[in-house]
Structures are given as C-alpha cells and as structure tokens.
Amino acid sequence: MSENTIKGKVKDALGKMKEAAGDTTDNDKLKAEGQADQVEGKAQESAGHVEDAVDTAKDSVTSDRK
C-alpha cells in the first residue's frame, strides 16, 4: 500500500470528523472544510491505488523476464 493511499484514507477520515463537528456545532464553514478534506483524501487515495497498480504491473513484467 502506497504512502498516498494511507495519507488519503487519513485525510478522508479526518474530514468526516471535521464535517461531523461542524454539523454538531452548526458551523457551516467547518462542515464545508470537512467535506473538502474528504474529497482531497479520496483523490489522494485514488492516486495511491494507481501507484500500487503501476508497481504491481512493473513487478509482473520484471518477473516475467526472469
């Protein structure tokens, strides 16, 4: 699992917590920040999955040549 996958999952989770805090305290700005953090986290996690797929493909090609 790539570093981006992990960081993205963390950012998404923190965004969910921030959104919930904003919802609980009726703070629309905090809620919106949490939602934005979730979008960023999901994008970063997706980038990490792409990195993982590329690494797997490289490993497959490399092992096929042996």
Protein backbone atom coordinates (compact mmCIF):
# COMPACT_ATOMS: atom_id res chain seq x y z
CA MET A 1 0.00 0.00 0.00
CA SER A 2 1.49 3.31 -1.07
CA GLU A 3 2.03 6.31 1.16
CA ASN A 4 -0.59 8.27 -0.81
CA THR A 5 -3.19 5.57 -0.18
CA ILE A 6 -2.61 5.75 3.56
CA LYS A 7 -2.46 9.55 3.72
CA GLY A 8 -5.62 9.78 1.63
CA LYS A 9 -7.51 7.45 3.96
CA VAL A 10 -6.39 9.50 6.96
CA LYS A 11 -7.38 12.81 5.33
CA ASP A 12 -10.79 11.36 4.41
CA ALA A 13 -11.37 10.15 7.98
CA LEU A 14 -10.31 13.48 9.46
CA GLY A 15 -12.60 15.24 7.01
CA LYS A 16 -15.52 13.11 8.16
CA MET A 17 -14.76 14.03 11.77
CA LYS A 18 -14.47 17.72 10.87
CA GLU A 19 -17.76 17.59 8.97
CA ALA A 20 -19.48 15.92 11.92
CA ALA A 21 -18.09 18.53 14.30
CA GLY A 22 -19.35 21.30 12.04
CA ASP A 23 -22.75 19.64 11.81
CA THR A 24 -22.95 19.21 15.59
CA THR A 25 -21.93 22.80 16.32
CA ASP A 26 -23.97 24.26 13.44
CA ASN A 27 -20.75 25.60 11.90
CA ASP A 28 -21.26 25.60 8.13
CA LYS A 29 -17.66 26.64 7.41
CA LEU A 30 -16.22 23.74 9.42
CA LYS A 31 -18.67 21.34 7.79
CA ALA A 32 -17.65 22.54 4.30
CA GLU A 33 -13.95 22.23 5.19
CA GLY A 34 -14.58 18.66 6.30
CA GLN A 35 -16.33 17.85 3.04
CA ALA A 36 -13.46 19.39 1.06
CA ASP A 37 -10.93 17.37 3.07
CA GLN A 38 -12.87 14.21 2.23
CA VAL A 39 -12.74 14.98 -1.49
CA GLU A 40 -8.99 15.64 -1.28
CA GLY A 41 -8.48 12.47 0.73
CA LYS A 42 -10.40 10.33 -1.73
CA ALA A 43 -8.43 11.82 -4.64
CA GLN A 44 -5.13 11.17 -2.88
CA GLU A 45 -6.22 7.63 -2.02
CA SER A 46 -7.15 7.02 -5.67
CA ALA A 47 -3.74 8.28 -6.77
CA GLY A 48 -2.20 5.83 -4.32
CA HIS A 49 -4.20 2.98 -5.83
CA VAL A 50 -2.89 3.93 -9.27
CA GLU A 51 0.67 3.92 -7.91
CA ASP A 52 0.04 0.47 -6.42
CA ALA A 53 -1.31 -0.82 -9.75
CA VAL A 54 1.71 0.53 -11.64
CA ASP A 55 4.08 -1.07 -9.13
CA THR A 56 2.26 -4.39 -9.44
CA ALA A 57 2.41 -4.21 -13.24
CA LYS A 58 6.13 -3.38 -13.14
CA ASP A 59 6.77 -6.30 -10.80
CA SER A 60 4.80 -8.60 -13.09
CA VAL A 61 6.75 -7.53 -16.17
CA THR A 62 10.05 -7.82 -14.32
CA SER A 63 9.28 -11.31 -13.01
CA ASP A 64 8.13 -12.46 -16.48
CA ARG A 65 11.55 -11.56 -17.88
CA LYS A 66 13.40 -13.79 -15.41
